[in-house]
Structure formats: C-alpha cells, structure tokens
Amino acid sequence: MANNVTALKLFTLSACPMGRSMGMVMDEVQARYTSLHIDIIYVEIEAELANEYRIKTNPTTLFINDHNEELFRMEGFVETEVIVDYIEQLNEGIFMLDEKLPPNESVQETYTVYLSDGTKLVAASHTYYNQTAIAAPRIHAILSLLSATADGLYNPFPLETKLISVQFIERVGTVTLGIADYKSLEISEQTHALMKQALQLTLQSFDVTDVELIIA
C-alpha cells in the first residue's frame, strides 16, 4: 500500500555522536523489518539531498513510502521501540505528515578560531558556509578551525585533516581527527599539543574547558 513505510532515511552529521547512536537504532529496526530499506545520509556530504527533504535538525529520521514520499519525520534521538511504534501506526494509516516545511537556505556562520603566529596562538575570524539549515555550532567551529587560513598565521593542522567524530560530556570534548599518512608526517609532541590547545581555545566560547585529541 502507498502509505506503508518501506524505507527510513536518517539524516545526520558524520561526526555527531547522537547520529551514531541513531545508526545503532536503525540496525535494531532493520533486524525487525528485514525488507525495510534504510539509508544513512551525512548532511555535510549530501547537502543537496538534505535540502531537498528540508532537513532542519540533526539527526532527523524520515519515514518513506514506496512512492518515495515522506509520511512522517522524527527529530532528535529516539529509542528503537518508538520507531517501531510509529512504523506500525503509519502502516495502519493512523496519521500522515500534513506540515509543509519551508525550503532550506544556506547560511554564513562566523567563528573565532585560533592559529599560530609562530610563538603563540592568536584569535582569527573564519566564515563557515553551512549549506543546510542544520545548526551544529561546535562541530562547525571545529571544521572552521581545520580549514582556516589567515595572513601571517599558520594552521597547526595538516592539510586534508578530517573530523571523524566528536563527543561532549559536560564540559569536556573528545575530538577524533583523521590525518592522512599521520605516521609518516612524524608530528611532534609540540605540534600535537598545539593542535589540542587550538581546539580548546576555539571551543571555549561553547563552555568547553578541556579537549582530548585523538588522531586516527
């Protein structure tokens, strides 16, 4: 039937811990409904698709029918049983989506990041181009830091450094970065400490007081 749920689409940021938790929920749902098609879409990679579905919140789960039409959406983290309950209700035709969301618009976000002048870290302003309507300021601040440049300053993070994951517990952040050929680069303890300090200073405006830096 056209109103039966045949697919779920989870939209999230690749580095988001809540999104990873929802990914585990999707695995549990898949085990219950083996014919259900489940997609996990990372919004910073597939911004055009996120905008097509007018995703506003990270994470967001869409319930899709066999005509690729959205029947319902849930925002934020929800437990497996909640997803299962909504699938059953939708399959019984109890409710359907009736709200038309406004289109997404790209946003320019400005963050204060910290780069080195050769002797110390100094503040620099960096503009991050958020192609979706999803607000994730701490993640976007880190992405800004990783790509920032400024005259007379240098970025301690190697080119092509990738943000793999981030976890915030109270006022402590654990940031995992991917650096190509990390071992062959022979990054010194001093540079590692500088990268950690740059992260701490960049995140201090979000009430983060300490950072654990993991390089994968």
C-alpha atoms as a PDB file:
ATOM      1  CA  MET A   1       0.000   0.000   0.000  1.00  0.00           C
ATOM      2  CA  ALA A   2       1.136   3.549  -0.766  1.00  0.00           C
ATOM      3  CA  ASN A   3       1.006   4.620   2.863  1.00  0.00           C
ATOM      4  CA  ASN A   4       3.050   1.739   4.223  1.00  0.00           C
ATOM      5  CA  VAL A   5       6.538   2.530   5.434  1.00  0.00           C
ATOM      6  CA  THR A   6       9.023   0.907   3.041  1.00  0.00           C
ATOM      7  CA  ALA A   7      12.126   2.935   3.893  1.00  0.00           C
ATOM      8  CA  LEU A   8      13.745   5.029   6.599  1.00  0.00           C
ATOM      9  CA  LYS A   9      16.191   7.829   5.875  1.00  0.00           C
ATOM     10  CA  LEU A  10      18.418   9.002   8.716  1.00  0.00           C
ATOM     11  CA  PHE A  11      19.978  12.427   8.135  1.00  0.00           C
ATOM     12  CA  THR A  12      22.838  13.311  10.445  1.00  0.00           C
ATOM     13  CA  LEU A  13      26.310  14.819  10.645  1.00  0.00           C
ATOM     14  CA  SER A  14      29.064  12.238  10.224  1.00  0.00           C
ATOM     15  CA  ALA A  15      30.835  13.383  13.411  1.00  0.00           C
ATOM     16  CA  CYS A  16      27.686  13.571  15.556  1.00  0.00           C
ATOM     17  CA  PRO A  17      27.546  11.106  18.489  1.00  0.00           C
ATOM     18  CA  MET A  18      23.745  11.286  18.591  1.00  0.00           C
ATOM     19  CA  GLY A  19      23.654  10.400  14.915  1.00  0.00           C
ATOM     20  CA  ARG A  20      25.879   7.377  15.551  1.00  0.00           C
ATOM     21  CA  SER A  21      23.510   6.291  18.320  1.00  0.00           C
ATOM     22  CA  MET A  22      20.604   6.614  15.891  1.00  0.00           C
ATOM     23  CA  GLY A  23      22.593   4.481  13.455  1.00  0.00           C
ATOM     24  CA  MET A  24      22.570   1.692  16.057  1.00  0.00           C
ATOM     25  CA  VAL A  25      18.815   2.178  16.442  1.00  0.00           C
ATOM     26  CA  MET A  26      18.490   1.767  12.659  1.00  0.00           C
ATOM     27  CA  ASP A  27      20.374  -1.541  12.895  1.00  0.00           C
ATOM     28  CA  GLU A  28      17.906  -2.772  15.505  1.00  0.00           C
ATOM     29  CA  VAL A  29      14.937  -1.638  13.408  1.00  0.00           C
ATOM     30  CA  GLN A  30      16.427  -3.388  10.357  1.00  0.00           C
ATOM     31  CA  ALA A  31      16.585  -6.626  12.346  1.00  0.00           C
ATOM     32  CA  ARG A  32      12.834  -6.350  12.978  1.00  0.00           C
ATOM     33  CA  TYR A  33      11.856  -5.329   9.437  1.00  0.00           C
ATOM     34  CA  THR A  34      14.251  -7.119   7.111  1.00  0.00           C
ATOM     35  CA  SER A  35      12.552  -5.798   3.949  1.00  0.00           C
ATOM     36  CA  LEU A  36      12.777  -2.178   5.100  1.00  0.00           C
ATOM     37  CA  HIS A  37      15.298  -0.084   3.170  1.00  0.00           C
ATOM     38  CA  ILE A  38      17.401   2.111   5.452  1.00  0.00           C
ATOM     39  CA  ASP A  39      19.657   4.930   4.263  1.00  0.00           C
ATOM     40  CA  ILE A  40      22.045   6.958   6.425  1.00  0.00           C
ATOM     41  CA  ILE A  41      22.760  10.331   4.812  1.00  0.00           C
ATOM     42  CA  TYR A  42      25.511  12.620   6.078  1.00  0.00           C
ATOM     43  CA  VAL A  43      24.246  16.143   5.570  1.00  0.00           C
ATOM     44  CA  GLU A  44      27.643  17.818   5.181  1.00  0.00           C
ATOM     45  CA  ILE A  45      28.413  15.414   2.326  1.00  0.00           C
ATOM     46  CA  GLU A  46      24.974  15.301   0.701  1.00  0.00           C
ATOM     47  CA  ALA A  47      23.765  18.831   1.458  1.00  0.00           C
ATOM     48  CA  GLU A  48      21.664  18.936  -1.715  1.00  0.00           C
ATOM     49  CA  LEU A  49      19.681  15.874  -0.638  1.00  0.00           C
ATOM     50  CA  ALA A  50      19.278  17.266   2.890  1.00  0.00           C
ATOM     51  CA  ASN A  51      17.887  20.466   1.404  1.00  0.00           C
ATOM     52  CA  GLU A  52      15.613  18.535  -0.948  1.00  0.00           C
ATOM     53  CA  TYR A  53      13.992  16.908   2.086  1.00  0.00           C
ATOM     54  CA  ARG A  54      14.135  20.200   4.019  1.00  0.00           C
ATOM     55  CA  ILE A  55      16.055  18.767   6.959  1.00  0.00           C
ATOM     56  CA  LYS A  56      16.163  21.274   9.827  1.00  0.00           C
ATOM     57  CA  THR A  57      17.502  19.284  12.785  1.00  0.00           C
ATOM     58  CA  ASN A  58      20.330  16.829  13.401  1.00  0.00           C
ATOM     59  CA  PRO A  59      19.544  13.958  13.472  1.00  0.00           C
ATOM     60  CA  THR A  60      16.260  13.563  11.581  1.00  0.00           C
ATOM     61  CA  THR A  61      14.596  10.281  10.613  1.00  0.00           C
ATOM     62  CA  LEU A  62      12.162  10.205   7.688  1.00  0.00           C
ATOM     63  CA  PHE A  63       9.531   7.519   7.194  1.00  0.00           C
ATOM     64  CA  ILE A  64       9.136   6.925   3.440  1.00  0.00           C
ATOM     65  CA  ASN A  65       6.525   5.021   1.420  1.00  0.00           C
ATOM     66  CA  ASP A  66       7.028   3.035  -1.793  1.00  0.00           C
ATOM     67  CA  HIS A  67       6.474   6.182  -3.892  1.00  0.00           C
ATOM     68  CA  ASN A  68       9.438   7.813  -2.124  1.00  0.00           C
ATOM     69  CA  GLU A  69       7.036  10.161  -0.344  1.00  0.00           C
ATOM     70  CA  GLU A  70       7.599  11.295   3.214  1.00  0.00           C
ATOM     71  CA  LEU A  71       4.904  10.076   5.582  1.00  0.00           C
ATOM     72  CA  PHE A  72       6.361  11.362   8.835  1.00  0.00           C
ATOM     73  CA  ARG A  73       9.576  12.600  10.426  1.00  0.00           C
ATOM     74  CA  MET A  74      11.136  12.399  13.860  1.00  0.00           C
ATOM     75  CA  GLU A  75      13.807  14.819  15.023  1.00  0.00           C
ATOM     76  CA  GLY A  76      16.478  14.055  17.602  1.00  0.00           C
ATOM     77  CA  PHE A  77      17.337  10.748  19.219  1.00  0.00           C
ATOM     78  CA  VAL A  78      14.558   8.217  19.781  1.00  0.00           C
ATOM     79  CA  GLU A  79      14.640   4.645  21.033  1.00  0.00           C
ATOM     80  CA  THR A  80      14.064   1.629  18.805  1.00  0.00           C
ATOM     81  CA  GLU A  81      10.605   0.918  20.210  1.00  0.00           C
ATOM     82  CA  VAL A  82       9.459   4.441  19.371  1.00  0.00           C
ATOM     83  CA  ILE A  83      10.491   3.984  15.734  1.00  0.00           C
ATOM     84  CA  VAL A  84       8.762   0.601  15.624  1.00  0.00           C
ATOM     85  CA  ASP A  85       5.584   2.061  17.126  1.00  0.00           C
ATOM     86  CA  TYR A  86       5.449   4.826  14.528  1.00  0.00           C
ATOM     87  CA  ILE A  87       6.038   2.372  11.676  1.00  0.00           C
ATOM     88  CA  GLU A  88       3.076   0.315  12.883  1.00  0.00           C
ATOM     89  CA  GLN A  89       0.850   3.369  13.290  1.00  0.00           C
ATOM     90  CA  LEU A  90       1.735   4.665   9.835  1.00  0.00           C
ATOM     91  CA  ASN A  91       1.125   1.251   8.290  1.00  0.00           C
ATOM     92  CA  GLU A  92      -2.332   1.300   9.889  1.00  0.00           C
ATOM     93  CA  GLY A  93      -2.986   4.746   8.407  1.00  0.00           C
ATOM     94  CA  ILE A  94      -3.415   6.427  11.792  1.00  0.00           C
ATOM     95  CA  PHE A  95      -1.683   9.666  10.788  1.00  0.00           C
ATOM     96  CA  MET A  96       0.277  11.240   7.987  1.00  0.00           C
ATOM     97  CA  LEU A  97       2.505  14.246   7.535  1.00  0.00           C
ATOM     98  CA  ASP A  98       0.480  17.381   6.853  1.00  0.00           C
ATOM     99  CA  GLU A  99       3.009  20.145   7.517  1.00  0.00           C
ATOM    100  CA  LYS A 100       4.904  21.690   4.612  1.00  0.00           C
ATOM    101  CA  LEU A 101       8.278  22.905   5.785  1.00  0.00           C
ATOM    102  CA  PRO A 102       9.912  25.997   4.257  1.00  0.00           C
ATOM    103  CA  PRO A 103      12.888  25.481   1.932  1.00  0.00           C
ATOM    104  CA  ASN A 104      16.372  25.382   3.407  1.00  0.00           C
ATOM    105  CA  GLU A 105      18.708  28.297   2.901  1.00  0.00           C
ATOM    106  CA  SER A 106      22.491  28.288   3.130  1.00  0.00           C
ATOM    107  CA  VAL A 107      23.926  30.332   5.975  1.00  0.00           C
ATOM    108  CA  GLN A 108      27.266  32.033   6.542  1.00  0.00           C
ATOM    109  CA  GLU A 109      28.445  31.392  10.097  1.00  0.00           C
ATOM    110  CA  THR A 110      31.390  33.225  11.635  1.00  0.00           C
ATOM    111  CA  TYR A 111      33.590  31.541  14.231  1.00  0.00           C
ATOM    112  CA  THR A 112      36.616  32.640  16.214  1.00  0.00           C
ATOM    113  CA  VAL A 113      39.386  30.101  15.727  1.00  0.00           C
ATOM    114  CA  TYR A 114      42.965  30.051  16.954  1.00  0.00           C
ATOM    115  CA  LEU A 115      46.017  29.894  14.695  1.00  0.00           C
ATOM    116  CA  SER A 116      49.717  30.233  15.416  1.00  0.00           C
ATOM    117  CA  ASP A 117      51.880  33.296  14.797  1.00  0.00           C
ATOM    118  CA  GLY A 118      54.979  31.198  15.380  1.00  0.00           C
ATOM    119  CA  THR A 119      55.202  31.835  19.089  1.00  0.00           C
ATOM    120  CA  LYS A 120      51.640  31.652  20.373  1.00  0.00           C
ATOM    121  CA  LEU A 121      48.039  31.008  19.313  1.00  0.00           C
ATOM    122  CA  VAL A 122      46.033  34.078  18.360  1.00  0.00           C
ATOM    123  CA  ALA A 123      42.362  34.593  17.543  1.00  0.00           C
ATOM    124  CA  ALA A 124      41.251  34.785  13.919  1.00  0.00           C
ATOM    125  CA  SER A 125      37.797  35.116  12.397  1.00  0.00           C
ATOM    126  CA  HIS A 126      36.682  32.438   9.935  1.00  0.00           C
ATOM    127  CA  THR A 127      33.497  32.155   7.878  1.00  0.00           C
ATOM    128  CA  TYR A 128      31.907  28.720   7.568  1.00  0.00           C
ATOM    129  CA  TYR A 129      29.444  28.184   4.735  1.00  0.00           C
ATOM    130  CA  ASN A 130      26.664  25.998   6.084  1.00  0.00           C
ATOM    131  CA  GLN A 131      24.851  24.690   3.024  1.00  0.00           C
ATOM    132  CA  THR A 132      21.918  23.371   5.059  1.00  0.00           C
ATOM    133  CA  ALA A 133      19.600  24.688   7.748  1.00  0.00           C
ATOM    134  CA  ILE A 134      21.082  22.403  10.391  1.00  0.00           C
ATOM    135  CA  ALA A 135      22.675  24.203  13.324  1.00  0.00           C
ATOM    136  CA  ALA A 136      25.691  22.409  14.798  1.00  0.00           C
ATOM    137  CA  PRO A 137      27.908  25.242  16.055  1.00  0.00           C
ATOM    138  CA  ARG A 138      30.501  23.204  17.960  1.00  0.00           C
ATOM    139  CA  ILE A 139      31.053  20.850  15.033  1.00  0.00           C
ATOM    140  CA  HIS A 140      31.092  23.735  12.578  1.00  0.00           C
ATOM    141  CA  ALA A 141      33.587  25.617  14.757  1.00  0.00           C
ATOM    142  CA  ILE A 142      35.943  22.620  14.628  1.00  0.00           C
ATOM    143  CA  LEU A 143      35.526  22.331  10.853  1.00  0.00           C
ATOM    144  CA  SER A 144      36.285  26.046  10.587  1.00  0.00           C
ATOM    145  CA  LEU A 145      39.467  25.617  12.604  1.00  0.00           C
ATOM    146  CA  LEU A 146      40.659  22.718  10.463  1.00  0.00           C
ATOM    147  CA  SER A 147      40.336  24.719   7.240  1.00  0.00           C
ATOM    148  CA  ALA A 148      41.138  28.247   8.460  1.00  0.00           C
ATOM    149  CA  THR A 149      43.859  30.399   6.938  1.00  0.00           C
ATOM    150  CA  ALA A 150      44.951  33.944   7.746  1.00  0.00           C
ATOM    151  CA  ASP A 151      47.764  36.237   6.622  1.00  0.00           C
ATOM    152  CA  GLY A 152      50.790  35.980   8.875  1.00  0.00           C
ATOM    153  CA  LEU A 153      49.424  32.947  10.719  1.00  0.00           C
ATOM    154  CA  TYR A 154      49.714  29.226  10.174  1.00  0.00           C
ATOM    155  CA  ASN A 155      47.323  26.411  10.937  1.00  0.00           C
ATOM    156  CA  PRO A 156      48.926  23.628  13.029  1.00  0.00           C
ATOM    157  CA  PHE A 157      46.591  21.037  11.484  1.00  0.00           C
ATOM    158  CA  PRO A 158      47.930  19.356   8.322  1.00  0.00           C
ATOM    159  CA  LEU A 159      46.065  19.852   5.052  1.00  0.00           C
ATOM    160  CA  GLU A 160      43.190  17.420   4.474  1.00  0.00           C
ATOM    161  CA  THR A 161      42.701  16.808   8.205  1.00  0.00           C
ATOM    162  CA  LYS A 162      39.232  15.297   8.637  1.00  0.00           C
ATOM    163  CA  LEU A 163      36.885  15.452  11.606  1.00  0.00           C
ATOM    164  CA  ILE A 164      35.892  11.853  12.268  1.00  0.00           C
ATOM    165  CA  SER A 165      33.899  12.188  15.473  1.00  0.00           C
ATOM    166  CA  VAL A 166      33.309  14.403  18.461  1.00  0.00           C
ATOM    167  CA  GLN A 167      31.818  13.680  21.864  1.00  0.00           C
ATOM    168  CA  PHE A 168      30.964  16.216  24.541  1.00  0.00           C
ATOM    169  CA  ILE A 169      30.408  15.100  28.116  1.00  0.00           C
ATOM    170  CA  GLU A 170      29.636  18.017  30.381  1.00  0.00           C
ATOM    171  CA  ARG A 171      32.466  20.499  29.640  1.00  0.00           C
ATOM    172  CA  VAL A 172      34.948  18.056  28.132  1.00  0.00           C
ATOM    173  CA  GLY A 173      35.192  17.320  24.426  1.00  0.00           C
ATOM    174  CA  THR A 174      36.776  14.273  22.807  1.00  0.00           C
ATOM    175  CA  VAL A 175      37.749  15.068  19.223  1.00  0.00           C
ATOM    176  CA  THR A 176      38.905  12.353  16.830  1.00  0.00           C
ATOM    177  CA  LEU A 177      40.678  13.504  13.688  1.00  0.00           C
ATOM    178  CA  GLY A 178      41.826  11.640  10.616  1.00  0.00           C
ATOM    179  CA  ILE A 179      45.173  12.737   9.200  1.00  0.00           C
ATOM    180  CA  ALA A 180      46.433  11.082   6.025  1.00  0.00           C
ATOM    181  CA  ASP A 181      49.875   9.491   6.401  1.00  0.00           C
ATOM    182  CA  TYR A 182      49.888  10.534  10.038  1.00  0.00           C
ATOM    183  CA  LYS A 183      52.792   8.257  10.973  1.00  0.00           C
ATOM    184  CA  SER A 184      54.964   9.338   8.042  1.00  0.00           C
ATOM    185  CA  LEU A 185      54.375  13.005   8.890  1.00  0.00           C
ATOM    186  CA  GLU A 186      56.103  12.462  12.225  1.00  0.00           C
ATOM    187  CA  ILE A 187      54.024  15.082  14.021  1.00  0.00           C
ATOM    188  CA  SER A 188      55.946  16.192  17.090  1.00  0.00           C
ATOM    189  CA  GLU A 189      54.582  16.219  20.625  1.00  0.00           C
ATOM    190  CA  GLN A 190      54.822  20.008  20.486  1.00  0.00           C
ATOM    191  CA  THR A 191      52.637  20.188  17.367  1.00  0.00           C
ATOM    192  CA  HIS A 192      50.160  17.724  18.874  1.00  0.00           C
ATOM    193  CA  ALA A 193      49.942  19.903  21.985  1.00  0.00           C
ATOM    194  CA  LEU A 194      49.469  22.982  19.807  1.00  0.00           C
ATOM    195  CA  MET A 195      46.592  21.332  17.932  1.00  0.00           C
ATOM    196  CA  LYS A 196      44.960  20.373  21.219  1.00  0.00           C
ATOM    197  CA  GLN A 197      45.323  23.899  22.573  1.00  0.00           C
ATOM    198  CA  ALA A 198      43.891  25.381  19.364  1.00  0.00           C
ATOM    199  CA  LEU A 199      40.840  23.138  19.744  1.00  0.00           C
ATOM    200  CA  GLN A 200      40.412  24.089  23.404  1.00  0.00           C
ATOM    201  CA  LEU A 201      40.595  27.809  22.681  1.00  0.00           C
ATOM    202  CA  THR A 202      38.260  27.536  19.687  1.00  0.00           C
ATOM    203  CA  LEU A 203      35.677  25.630  21.731  1.00  0.00           C
ATOM    204  CA  GLN A 204      35.923  27.752  24.880  1.00  0.00           C
ATOM    205  CA  SER A 205      33.092  30.016  23.708  1.00  0.00           C
ATOM    206  CA  PHE A 206      30.833  26.931  23.871  1.00  0.00           C
ATOM    207  CA  ASP A 207      31.722  26.375  27.543  1.00  0.00           C
ATOM    208  CA  VAL A 208      34.143  23.565  26.726  1.00  0.00           C
ATOM    209  CA  THR A 209      37.051  23.690  29.184  1.00  0.00           C
ATOM    210  CA  ASP A 210      39.110  20.673  28.143  1.00  0.00           C
ATOM    211  CA  VAL A 211      39.691  18.653  24.986  1.00  0.00           C
ATOM    212  CA  GLU A 212      41.066  15.180  24.440  1.00  0.00           C
ATOM    213  CA  LEU A 213      42.578  14.934  20.973  1.00  0.00           C
ATOM    214  CA  ILE A 214      42.702  11.533  19.280  1.00  0.00           C
ATOM    215  CA  ILE A 215      44.355  11.114  15.894  1.00  0.00           C
ATOM    216  CA  ALA A 216      43.309   8.085  13.904  1.00  0.00           C
END
